[in-house]
Amino acid sequence: MKKIITLTFVLLTSFSLVFAQELKYVGTYSSGEFNTDGGVMEIVTYSPFSQRAYAVNGQSGMLASISYDGSSFYSDDIDVKKIIENADPNFSYGDMTSVCASADGRLLAIALQAEGYNDGGKIALFTVNEDGSIFLSKIYDAGIQPDMILIAGGYVLSADEGEPRLGYDAEDPKGSVTVVDLNDGTSKVIYFDSFDQKRDELVASGVIIKKDSLPSRDFEPEYLTVSGEKAYVTLQENNAIAVLDLNSLEFVNVFSLGFEDFGTTYVDINKDDETYNPKNYPGLYGIRMADGIASFERNGVTYLITANEGDSREWGDYINEVEVDFSKEDALSPSGRGYDVGGKVVFFDSSDYDGLDDGCDYIFGSRGMSIYTEDGSLVYSSSDIAEKVTFDAFPNYFNCSNDNSFIDDRSGKKGPEAESVAVASVGDNVYAFLALERTGGIIVFDVSDVNDVKYLSYINTRDFENIRSGSEEYDDGELDKYVTLGDVAPEGLCFVPSSISPIEKDVLLAAYEVSGTVSAYIFE
């Protein structure tokens, strides 16, 4: 069924400290679906061959094939589940999680999870037709719970999470990375068993591992990027990156992302004062816990950029969060500190993990992005920029969530929450685009010189003041959750250079998982 969506212009704010490259709103494709818990339009990619964007709709289960004619967005829904079940009736289809087009746009790779949480998934390869339709060419076995998928350097790779979705009383499946070699058609699922004998060494370096667990079980690949002959894989819950050699198909390193020291970096963890009130808190650290990752080369050096979201584990009866309400008398943090804040702060429960200091407190994420060399040396942290610019742009909605627009709602837990990052080379410069999941919007940085990273601009096409009818959820008679209009909760980003863009300009595509939209922004 073909949908025709007329462009609807929503609230647009572009805030800039440096009048340079910035994003300008083009328009929005709407799936017509939304969800306060997210999971609608999640990942987006672009095929220059069909001049279509392809986006995963986690709510309908469909793959949207989206085109733009200069005034409207058009979409054909592709029933990937039906295609796969007809081709492989022995596979118990569970979910489509990610999509990626090849550089020439003639190949599309899709990650598929099995219905059983402990069963292997699939990588499905499709050929792309000029009219935007796709044709299944081959299906490969993948590891358990393939999440993110990427085509790069002649390979298709999937990050296979292996989460213990029935709780730690049941089996914790192994995380892995699946690699398909497009040159010879072979595939291999690569596990982390070689690091089981290095557990103590990893813990000592700051890699976080659950007590009484081995790396091969505890590592949960989240996202990946490829540079040269290596793939770099975020292990979000472990606060680490794994390095995979694509020649030997072996993991050659795992390094810690380190911690954001909020004794020196300003942060707002006070959710009760309804404003931006940044302070330093000695003894408090943010566990970077990167979700998205991107890479670029500069002067022969590979750099990795991470979106440091933070993530807790909640499986069955298990949760590794400690919530402390500092409005109560004598309330103390897990390390015994009484922080000068009001309201609740969510801490990481370090009692069940190795790799942390018992005398310190830890919270989830760093509220920004970091840049590393390929061996794990930190060269840049965005520090408090995300909280600063979002407050300056929207002081009445500072640190609100993606399922409401209440000011300060997320200050006690992950703040604006950096979700994903994309990089683009334009002329002689390299730019990074950082998506903020909660408050929303995208920050633009110039990372051409990693020793002098520049904040450029911020855009947010969310309408904070209006609620999407039918999304309201109440708790004890009071409005608790809802979806605002506009673009809410950016999840996946895709940069389309002018050389292959349908409008002959550099464009950034962003998929929004709560509002169920995909928006396009000119970059100039």
Protein backbone atom coordinates (compact mmCIF):
# COMPACT_ATOMS: atom_id res chain seq x y z
CA MET A 1 0.00 0.00 0.00
CA LYS A 2 1.39 3.42 -0.94
CA LYS A 3 1.10 6.28 1.52
CA ILE A 4 1.21 9.94 0.49
CA ILE A 5 2.22 12.31 3.24
CA THR A 6 2.02 16.05 2.69
CA LEU A 7 4.87 17.99 4.24
CA THR A 8 4.01 19.33 7.65
CA PHE A 9 6.35 21.98 9.03
CA VAL A 10 6.80 21.70 12.76
CA LEU A 11 8.51 23.81 15.41
CA LEU A 12 12.07 24.40 14.28
CA THR A 13 14.78 25.95 16.37
CA SER A 14 18.36 26.27 15.16
CA PHE A 15 20.67 27.54 17.88
CA SER A 16 24.28 28.31 17.02
CA LEU A 17 27.30 29.63 18.84
CA VAL A 18 29.39 29.66 15.66
CA PHE A 19 27.71 30.78 12.45
CA ALA A 20 28.97 27.96 10.28
CA GLN A 21 27.62 24.64 9.01
CA GLU A 22 24.16 23.86 10.34
CA LEU A 23 21.15 21.69 9.64
CA LYS A 24 18.06 23.14 7.99
CA TYR A 25 14.75 21.35 8.04
CA VAL A 26 13.41 19.97 4.74
CA GLY A 27 10.40 17.94 5.79
CA THR A 28 9.09 14.82 7.46
CA TYR A 29 7.77 11.41 6.53
CA SER A 30 5.30 10.14 9.12
CA SER A 31 4.45 6.47 9.53
CA GLY A 32 1.19 7.46 11.20
CA GLU A 33 2.22 5.50 14.29
CA PHE A 34 3.71 6.54 17.63
CA ASN A 35 4.60 4.96 20.96
CA THR A 36 5.66 6.49 24.29
CA ASP A 37 8.04 3.55 24.75
CA GLY A 38 9.69 4.11 21.37
CA GLY A 39 10.55 1.42 18.88
CA VAL A 40 8.64 2.85 15.89
CA MET A 41 10.95 4.36 13.24
CA GLU A 42 14.36 3.24 14.45
CA ILE A 43 17.06 2.87 11.80
CA VAL A 44 17.28 4.59 8.42
CA THR A 45 19.60 4.07 5.44
CA TYR A 46 19.77 5.40 1.88
CA SER A 47 20.22 3.79 -1.52
CA PRO A 48 21.63 6.06 -4.25
CA PHE A 49 20.60 3.44 -6.83
CA SER A 50 16.87 3.66 -6.11
CA GLN A 51 17.14 7.12 -4.53
CA ARG A 52 15.08 5.81 -1.65
CA ALA A 53 15.50 5.81 2.09
CA TYR A 54 14.72 2.55 3.90
CA ALA A 55 13.61 2.65 7.51
CA VAL A 56 12.77 -0.03 10.05
CA ASN A 57 9.34 0.32 11.62
CA GLY A 58 9.58 -1.67 14.83
CA GLN A 59 5.89 -1.25 15.59
CA SER A 60 4.32 -2.40 12.33
CA GLY A 61 7.17 -4.78 11.53
CA MET A 62 7.38 -3.29 8.05
CA LEU A 63 10.31 -1.85 6.14
CA ALA A 64 9.40 1.59 4.78
CA SER A 65 10.75 2.45 1.32
CA ILE A 66 10.63 6.25 1.28
CA SER A 67 11.06 8.64 -1.64
CA TYR A 68 10.84 12.43 -1.95
CA ASP A 69 9.63 14.31 -5.03
CA GLY A 70 10.48 17.83 -3.87
CA SER A 71 7.14 18.51 -2.19
CA SER A 72 5.96 15.27 -0.60
CA PHE A 73 7.29 12.04 0.85
CA TYR A 74 6.00 8.74 -0.51
CA SER A 75 6.37 5.31 1.09
CA ASP A 76 5.83 1.69 0.12
CA ASP A 77 5.67 -0.77 3.01
CA ILE A 78 7.67 -3.95 2.46
CA ASP A 79 6.60 -7.02 4.46
CA VAL A 80 10.03 -8.48 5.22
CA LYS A 81 8.59 -11.04 7.64
CA LYS A 82 6.42 -12.57 4.91
CA ILE A 83 9.35 -12.67 2.49
CA ILE A 84 11.62 -14.42 5.00
CA GLU A 85 9.01 -16.91 6.22
CA ASN A 86 8.23 -17.92 2.63
CA ALA A 87 11.94 -18.39 1.92
CA ASP A 88 12.84 -20.16 5.19
CA PRO A 89 9.83 -21.76 6.92
CA ASN A 90 12.15 -23.31 9.53
CA PHE A 91 13.14 -19.90 10.92
CA SER A 92 10.90 -18.65 13.74
CA TYR A 93 10.85 -14.96 12.81
CA GLY A 94 10.92 -12.59 15.76
CA ASP A 95 11.85 -9.04 14.83
CA MET A 96 13.57 -6.86 12.22
CA THR A 97 16.09 -4.65 14.01
CA SER A 98 18.36 -2.88 11.52
CA VAL A 99 18.93 -2.10 7.84
CA CYS A 100 21.91 -0.88 5.82
CA ALA A 101 22.44 -0.15 2.13
CA SER A 102 25.73 -0.69 0.34
CA ALA A 103 27.67 2.32 -0.94
CA ASP A 104 26.33 1.87 -4.49
CA GLY A 105 22.82 1.25 -3.16
CA ARG A 106 22.32 -2.03 -5.04
CA LEU A 107 22.44 -4.20 -1.92
CA LEU A 108 20.39 -4.03 1.25
CA ALA A 109 21.23 -5.97 4.41
CA ILE A 110 18.66 -6.54 7.15
CA ALA A 111 19.20 -7.93 10.66
CA LEU A 112 16.56 -10.37 11.91
CA GLN A 113 16.14 -11.72 15.41
CA ALA A 114 14.56 -15.10 16.14
CA GLU A 115 11.40 -15.47 18.15
CA GLY A 116 13.29 -17.45 20.82
CA TYR A 117 15.59 -15.21 22.85
CA ASN A 118 18.31 -17.87 22.87
CA ASP A 119 18.11 -18.78 19.18
CA GLY A 120 20.37 -17.56 16.42
CA GLY A 121 19.18 -14.79 14.14
CA LYS A 122 19.61 -14.17 10.43
CA ILE A 123 21.22 -11.69 8.06
CA ALA A 124 19.08 -11.24 4.96
CA LEU A 125 20.60 -9.77 1.79
CA PHE A 126 18.37 -8.13 -0.80
CA THR A 127 19.07 -6.71 -4.23
CA VAL A 128 17.58 -3.24 -4.76
CA ASN A 129 15.58 -2.36 -7.85
CA GLU A 130 15.43 1.13 -9.37
CA ASP A 131 11.76 1.48 -8.40
CA GLY A 132 12.66 0.98 -4.71
CA SER A 133 11.43 -2.60 -4.45
CA ILE A 134 13.78 -5.27 -3.12
CA PHE A 135 14.39 -8.93 -3.97
CA LEU A 136 15.73 -11.51 -1.50
CA SER A 137 19.05 -12.93 -2.70
CA LYS A 138 20.44 -14.86 0.29
CA ILE A 139 19.97 -15.54 4.00
CA TYR A 140 22.88 -16.17 6.39
CA ASP A 141 22.92 -17.51 9.93
CA ALA A 142 23.83 -14.92 12.54
CA GLY A 143 24.56 -14.89 16.25
CA ILE A 144 21.91 -14.50 18.93
CA GLN A 145 19.85 -11.28 18.74
CA PRO A 146 21.54 -9.43 15.86
CA ASP A 147 20.82 -5.76 16.50
CA MET A 148 22.86 -3.34 14.39
CA ILE A 149 23.93 -4.20 10.83
CA LEU A 150 26.54 -2.60 8.58
CA ILE A 151 27.88 -3.03 5.04
CA ALA A 152 31.47 -1.82 4.75
CA GLY A 153 34.72 -2.82 3.08
CA GLY A 154 33.28 -5.84 1.27
CA TYR A 155 31.70 -7.23 4.43
CA VAL A 156 28.31 -7.33 6.11
CA LEU A 157 28.58 -7.27 9.90
CA SER A 158 25.98 -7.58 12.63
CA ALA A 159 26.36 -6.81 16.33
CA ASP A 160 24.66 -9.71 18.11
CA GLU A 161 23.64 -8.66 21.63
CA GLY A 162 22.98 -11.98 23.34
CA GLU A 163 20.93 -10.47 26.19
CA PRO A 164 19.55 -12.62 29.07
CA ARG A 165 15.97 -11.59 28.33
CA LEU A 166 14.44 -14.16 30.68
CA GLY A 167 16.64 -13.00 33.55
CA TYR A 168 19.93 -14.20 34.98
CA ASP A 169 18.24 -17.26 36.48
CA ALA A 170 17.88 -18.49 32.90
CA GLU A 171 20.67 -18.79 30.33
CA ASP A 172 22.70 -15.73 29.42
CA PRO A 173 23.50 -16.29 25.72
CA LYS A 174 26.83 -15.35 24.24
CA GLY A 175 27.25 -12.02 22.50
CA SER A 176 28.98 -12.08 19.13
CA VAL A 177 29.65 -10.37 15.83
CA THR A 178 28.64 -12.04 12.58
CA VAL A 179 30.74 -11.32 9.50
CA VAL A 180 29.66 -12.11 5.93
CA ASP A 181 32.39 -11.84 3.29
CA LEU A 182 30.68 -10.55 0.15
CA ASN A 183 33.63 -11.61 -2.02
CA ASP A 184 33.35 -15.35 -1.40
CA GLY A 185 29.92 -15.59 0.26
CA THR A 186 31.24 -17.12 3.49
CA SER A 187 30.08 -16.16 6.95
CA LYS A 188 31.31 -16.61 10.50
CA VAL A 189 29.92 -15.89 13.97
CA ILE A 190 32.76 -14.63 16.18
CA TYR A 191 32.54 -14.94 19.97
CA PHE A 192 34.51 -13.50 22.89
CA ASP A 193 35.72 -16.78 24.46
CA SER A 194 39.36 -15.78 24.04
CA PHE A 195 38.88 -13.06 26.67
CA ASP A 196 37.62 -15.39 29.40
CA GLN A 197 41.21 -15.99 30.51
CA LYS A 198 41.84 -12.23 30.55
CA ARG A 199 38.96 -11.30 32.84
CA ASP A 200 41.13 -9.94 35.66
CA GLU A 201 43.20 -7.90 33.23
CA LEU A 202 40.06 -6.40 31.66
CA VAL A 203 38.54 -5.53 35.02
CA ALA A 204 41.76 -3.86 36.15
CA SER A 205 41.66 -1.66 33.03
CA GLY A 206 38.13 -0.40 33.75
CA VAL A 207 36.04 -2.84 31.72
CA ILE A 208 32.89 -3.53 33.76
CA ILE A 209 31.92 -7.19 34.11
CA LYS A 210 29.13 -8.69 36.18
CA LYS A 211 30.39 -10.67 39.15
CA ASP A 212 30.57 -14.44 38.62
CA SER A 213 30.25 -13.91 34.87
CA LEU A 214 32.72 -14.39 32.04
CA PRO A 215 33.30 -11.94 29.18
CA SER A 216 31.99 -14.44 26.63
CA ARG A 217 28.60 -14.31 28.36
CA ASP A 218 28.60 -10.78 29.72
CA PHE A 219 29.70 -8.89 26.60
CA GLU A 220 26.70 -7.60 24.65
CA PRO A 221 27.66 -5.95 21.30
CA GLU A 222 25.49 -2.93 20.62
CA TYR A 223 26.79 -0.98 17.62
CA LEU A 224 29.77 -1.12 15.25
CA THR A 225 31.80 0.81 12.73
CA VAL A 226 34.50 -0.21 10.25
CA SER A 227 37.73 1.59 9.40
CA GLY A 228 40.28 -0.08 7.17
CA GLU A 229 40.61 -3.74 8.05
CA LYS A 230 39.18 -3.44 11.55
CA ALA A 231 35.72 -3.26 13.05
CA TYR A 232 35.10 -1.45 16.33
CA VAL A 233 32.20 -2.73 18.43
CA THR A 234 30.58 -1.00 21.41
CA LEU A 235 29.98 -3.20 24.43
CA GLN A 236 27.60 -0.73 26.02
CA GLU A 237 26.88 -2.34 29.38
CA ASN A 238 30.57 -3.15 29.82
CA ASN A 239 31.69 0.42 29.07
CA ALA A 240 34.07 -0.87 26.43
CA ILE A 241 34.93 -1.22 22.76
CA ALA A 242 36.05 -4.48 21.15
CA VAL A 243 38.38 -4.44 18.14
CA LEU A 244 37.84 -7.08 15.45
CA ASP A 245 40.51 -7.85 12.84
CA LEU A 246 38.67 -8.50 9.58
CA ASN A 247 41.58 -10.42 8.10
CA SER A 248 41.97 -12.97 10.87
CA LEU A 249 38.31 -12.70 11.97
CA GLU A 250 39.46 -12.57 15.58
CA PHE A 251 38.99 -10.01 18.33
CA VAL A 252 42.37 -8.45 19.02
CA ASN A 253 41.56 -5.98 21.81
CA VAL A 254 38.94 -4.79 24.27
CA PHE A 255 39.45 -1.42 25.94
CA SER A 256 37.53 0.62 28.49
CA LEU A 257 35.84 3.88 27.52
CA GLY A 258 36.75 5.35 30.89
CA PHE A 259 34.60 7.59 33.06
CA GLU A 260 33.41 11.19 33.01
CA ASP A 261 34.61 12.86 36.22
CA PHE A 262 31.74 15.02 37.45
CA GLY A 263 34.06 16.41 40.08
CA THR A 264 35.50 18.50 37.25
CA THR A 265 32.83 18.29 34.52
CA TYR A 266 29.67 20.24 35.29
CA VAL A 267 26.41 18.30 35.37
CA ASP A 268 22.81 18.87 36.47
CA ILE A 269 21.51 15.92 38.51
CA ASN A 270 18.93 17.97 40.45
CA LYS A 271 15.48 17.30 38.99
CA ASP A 272 13.53 19.37 41.52
CA ASP A 273 14.67 22.95 40.84
CA GLU A 274 13.17 23.13 37.32
CA THR A 275 16.12 24.87 35.74
CA TYR A 276 19.66 24.22 34.54
CA ASN A 277 21.80 24.28 37.67
CA PRO A 278 25.12 22.61 36.83
CA LYS A 279 27.55 21.74 39.59
CA ASN A 280 30.61 19.65 40.29
CA TYR A 281 30.21 16.57 42.46
CA PRO A 282 33.53 15.14 43.68
CA GLY A 283 33.43 11.37 43.81
CA LEU A 284 30.69 11.10 41.17
CA TYR A 285 31.50 9.58 37.77
CA GLY A 286 29.53 8.97 34.60
CA ILE A 287 30.02 5.53 33.08
CA ARG A 288 30.21 6.44 29.40
CA MET A 289 28.54 3.23 28.16
CA ALA A 290 28.47 4.14 24.47
CA ASP A 291 25.57 3.14 22.29
CA GLY A 292 26.27 4.53 18.82
CA ILE A 293 29.77 4.68 17.35
CA ALA A 294 31.24 6.15 14.15
CA SER A 295 34.77 6.42 12.78
CA PHE A 296 36.84 8.63 10.51
CA GLU A 297 40.45 8.98 9.40
CA ARG A 298 42.48 12.15 9.65
CA ASN A 299 46.14 12.45 8.65
CA GLY A 300 46.45 8.67 8.57
CA VAL A 301 45.00 8.19 12.06
CA THR A 302 41.71 6.40 12.79
CA TYR A 303 39.43 8.09 15.31
CA LEU A 304 36.34 6.67 16.99
CA ILE A 305 33.41 8.83 18.09
CA THR A 306 30.98 7.46 20.67
CA ALA A 307 27.53 8.57 21.79
CA ASN A 308 27.69 7.96 25.53
CA GLU A 309 24.10 7.10 26.36
CA GLY A 310 24.45 4.83 29.39
CA ASP A 311 22.26 1.76 29.86
CA SER A 312 20.98 -0.24 32.80
CA ARG A 313 20.20 -3.94 32.84
CA GLU A 314 16.67 -5.00 33.67
CA TRP A 315 15.95 -8.67 33.03
CA GLY A 316 13.32 -10.60 34.99
CA ASP A 317 13.63 -9.54 38.63
CA TYR A 318 17.14 -8.16 38.09
CA ILE A 319 17.95 -4.46 37.79
CA ASN A 320 21.29 -2.74 38.38
CA GLU A 321 19.92 0.69 39.30
CA VAL A 322 19.87 2.26 42.77
CA GLU A 323 17.43 5.16 43.13
CA VAL A 324 18.09 7.59 45.98
CA ASP A 325 15.61 10.32 46.94
CA PHE A 326 17.71 13.18 48.30
CA SER A 327 14.63 15.12 49.36
CA LYS A 328 14.45 12.73 52.29
CA GLU A 329 16.44 13.46 55.43
CA ASP A 330 19.76 11.62 55.78
CA ALA A 331 19.52 10.14 52.25
CA LEU A 332 22.90 8.81 51.14
CA SER A 333 24.34 7.64 47.84
CA PRO A 334 25.65 4.07 47.43
CA SER A 335 29.12 5.25 48.56
CA GLY A 336 27.66 7.08 51.56
CA ARG A 337 27.63 10.64 50.17
CA GLY A 338 24.87 13.15 50.79
CA TYR A 339 24.64 15.15 47.57
CA ASP A 340 23.23 18.68 47.67
CA VAL A 341 20.31 18.03 45.33
CA GLY A 342 16.58 17.57 45.65
CA GLY A 343 14.62 14.66 44.28
CA LYS A 344 15.71 11.30 42.96
CA VAL A 345 19.03 10.36 41.40
CA VAL A 346 19.55 6.99 39.73
CA PHE A 347 22.95 5.42 40.41
CA PHE A 348 24.65 2.38 38.92
CA ASP A 349 24.56 -0.50 41.41
CA SER A 350 28.26 -1.31 41.51
CA SER A 351 27.86 -3.98 44.20
CA ASP A 352 27.27 -6.67 41.59
CA TYR A 353 30.07 -5.65 39.21
CA ASP A 354 33.85 -5.70 38.97
CA GLY A 355 35.85 -2.88 37.43
CA LEU A 356 34.61 -0.03 39.64
CA ASP A 357 35.85 1.77 42.75
CA ASP A 358 33.79 1.07 45.88
CA GLY A 359 34.58 4.52 47.22
CA CYS A 360 32.95 6.32 44.27
CA ASP A 361 29.46 6.79 42.92
CA TYR A 362 28.53 6.12 39.32
CA ILE A 363 25.65 7.24 37.12
CA PHE A 364 24.70 6.05 33.64
CA GLY A 365 26.23 7.83 30.65
CA SER A 366 28.29 10.99 30.26
CA ARG A 367 25.61 13.20 28.65
CA GLY A 368 27.64 13.74 25.51
CA MET A 369 30.16 12.24 23.11
CA SER A 370 33.82 11.26 23.21
CA ILE A 371 36.56 10.79 20.62
CA TYR A 372 39.23 8.07 20.94
CA THR A 373 42.18 6.83 18.96
CA GLU A 374 41.85 3.25 17.76
CA ASP A 375 43.84 1.98 20.76
CA GLY A 376 41.44 3.60 23.23
CA SER A 377 43.23 6.84 24.10
CA LEU A 378 40.71 9.58 24.89
CA VAL A 379 41.33 12.76 22.86
CA TYR A 380 38.08 14.66 23.36
CA SER A 381 34.98 14.82 25.58
CA SER A 382 32.05 17.11 24.82
CA SER A 383 31.73 17.63 28.58
CA ASP A 384 28.61 19.69 29.45
CA ILE A 385 27.92 21.05 25.96
CA ALA A 386 24.73 19.02 25.40
CA GLU A 387 23.07 20.25 28.58
CA LYS A 388 24.21 23.83 27.93
CA VAL A 389 22.90 24.12 24.38
CA THR A 390 19.60 22.35 25.03
CA PHE A 391 18.90 24.67 27.95
CA ASP A 392 19.81 27.76 25.94
CA ALA A 393 17.49 26.64 23.13
CA PHE A 394 14.58 25.38 25.27
CA PRO A 395 14.86 26.61 28.87
CA ASN A 396 11.25 25.61 29.64
CA TYR A 397 11.86 22.02 28.52
CA PHE A 398 15.38 21.43 29.82
CA ASN A 399 16.11 17.73 30.35
CA CYS A 400 12.55 16.70 29.64
CA SER A 401 11.95 13.15 28.47
CA ASN A 402 10.77 11.73 25.17
CA ASP A 403 7.48 10.55 26.69
CA ASN A 404 6.60 13.93 28.22
CA SER A 405 7.78 17.54 28.15
CA PHE A 406 8.20 18.07 31.91
CA ILE A 407 11.22 20.24 32.73
CA ASP A 408 14.06 18.49 34.61
CA ASP A 409 12.36 15.10 34.29
CA ARG A 410 15.62 13.41 33.23
CA SER A 411 18.18 15.40 35.20
CA GLY A 412 18.48 12.66 37.80
CA LYS A 413 18.96 10.00 35.12
CA LYS A 414 21.08 10.41 31.96
CA GLY A 415 19.96 13.95 31.09
CA PRO A 416 19.57 14.56 27.32
CA GLU A 417 20.91 11.04 26.66
CA ALA A 418 23.21 10.90 23.63
CA GLU A 419 21.91 8.03 21.50
CA SER A 420 23.70 7.86 18.17
CA VAL A 421 26.36 9.63 16.13
CA ALA A 422 27.18 9.97 12.44
CA VAL A 423 30.19 11.51 10.73
CA ALA A 424 30.58 13.13 7.31
CA SER A 425 33.46 14.53 5.29
CA VAL A 426 32.42 17.70 3.48
CA GLY A 427 35.18 19.44 1.58
CA ASP A 428 38.26 19.49 3.79
CA ASN A 429 36.30 19.20 7.03
CA VAL A 430 34.85 16.34 9.07
CA TYR A 431 31.60 16.83 10.95
CA ALA A 432 29.90 14.84 13.68
CA PHE A 433 26.14 14.74 14.26
CA LEU A 434 25.06 13.76 17.76
CA ALA A 435 21.43 12.70 18.34
CA LEU A 436 19.89 13.34 21.77
CA GLU A 437 17.23 10.77 22.59
CA ARG A 438 15.32 12.49 25.40
CA THR A 439 15.13 16.26 24.95
CA GLY A 440 15.58 15.58 21.27
CA GLY A 441 17.46 17.30 18.52
CA ILE A 442 20.83 16.95 16.85
CA ILE A 443 24.08 18.73 17.71
CA VAL A 444 26.65 19.46 15.00
CA PHE A 445 30.40 19.48 15.74
CA ASP A 446 33.42 20.18 13.56
CA VAL A 447 35.86 17.37 14.43
CA SER A 448 38.40 18.10 11.68
CA ASP A 449 41.00 18.80 14.38
CA VAL A 450 40.44 16.48 17.33
CA ASN A 451 42.58 18.79 19.45
CA ASP A 452 40.26 21.69 18.69
CA VAL A 453 36.74 20.29 18.29
CA LYS A 454 34.17 23.03 17.66
CA TYR A 455 30.51 23.07 18.57
CA LEU A 456 28.65 24.52 15.58
CA SER A 457 24.89 24.29 15.92
CA TYR A 458 21.84 22.54 17.33
CA ILE A 459 18.48 21.81 15.72
CA ASN A 460 15.33 20.34 17.23
CA THR A 461 12.17 19.82 15.18
CA ARG A 462 10.04 18.76 18.13
CA ASP A 463 6.86 20.64 19.07
CA PHE A 464 7.08 20.65 22.86
CA GLU A 465 3.83 22.53 23.41
CA ASN A 466 1.33 20.25 21.68
CA ILE A 467 0.35 16.66 22.43
CA ARG A 468 -0.48 14.01 19.86
CA SER A 469 -4.08 13.05 20.47
CA GLY A 470 -4.53 9.51 21.74
CA SER A 471 -1.05 9.25 23.25
CA GLU A 472 -2.02 10.40 26.74
CA GLU A 473 -1.37 7.96 29.59
CA TYR A 474 -2.52 8.65 33.14
CA ASP A 475 -1.27 7.49 36.55
CA ASP A 476 -3.56 7.96 39.54
CA GLY A 477 -5.68 10.32 37.48
CA GLU A 478 -2.80 12.61 36.49
CA LEU A 479 -1.24 12.93 33.06
CA ASP A 480 1.95 10.88 33.22
CA LYS A 481 3.16 10.13 29.69
CA TYR A 482 2.38 11.42 26.22
CA VAL A 483 3.89 12.03 22.80
CA THR A 484 4.39 15.61 21.68
CA LEU A 485 4.02 16.66 18.06
CA GLY A 486 6.98 16.98 15.74
CA ASP A 487 10.03 14.73 15.80
CA VAL A 488 10.52 12.91 19.10
CA ALA A 489 13.46 10.69 20.16
CA PRO A 490 16.05 10.47 17.35
CA GLU A 491 17.40 6.93 17.08
CA GLY A 492 19.22 6.36 13.79
CA LEU A 493 21.10 8.86 11.59
CA CYS A 494 22.18 8.60 7.96
CA PHE A 495 24.22 11.22 6.08
CA VAL A 496 23.60 11.49 2.35
CA PRO A 497 26.31 13.47 0.49
CA SER A 498 25.28 15.84 -2.28
CA SER A 499 26.90 13.62 -4.93
CA ILE A 500 24.20 10.97 -4.42
CA SER A 501 21.43 13.04 -2.84
CA PRO A 502 18.07 13.25 -4.66
CA ILE A 503 18.08 17.04 -4.14
CA GLU A 504 21.81 17.43 -4.94
CA LYS A 505 22.57 18.81 -1.50
CA ASP A 506 24.13 17.27 1.60
CA VAL A 507 21.28 15.80 3.64
CA LEU A 508 21.05 14.21 7.07
CA LEU A 509 18.22 11.72 7.62
CA ALA A 510 17.03 11.04 11.17
CA ALA A 511 14.65 8.28 12.31
CA TYR A 512 12.57 9.09 15.39
CA GLU A 513 11.41 6.14 17.43
CA VAL A 514 8.69 7.75 19.59
CA SER A 515 6.99 10.01 17.02
CA GLY A 516 7.34 7.42 14.26
CA THR A 517 8.81 9.92 11.82
CA VAL A 518 11.81 10.25 9.51
CA SER A 519 12.97 13.80 8.90
CA ALA A 520 15.38 15.26 6.36
CA TYR A 521 17.75 18.17 7.01
CA ILE A 522 19.92 20.01 4.51
CA PHE A 523 23.45 20.50 5.80
CA GLU A 524 24.97 23.78 4.64
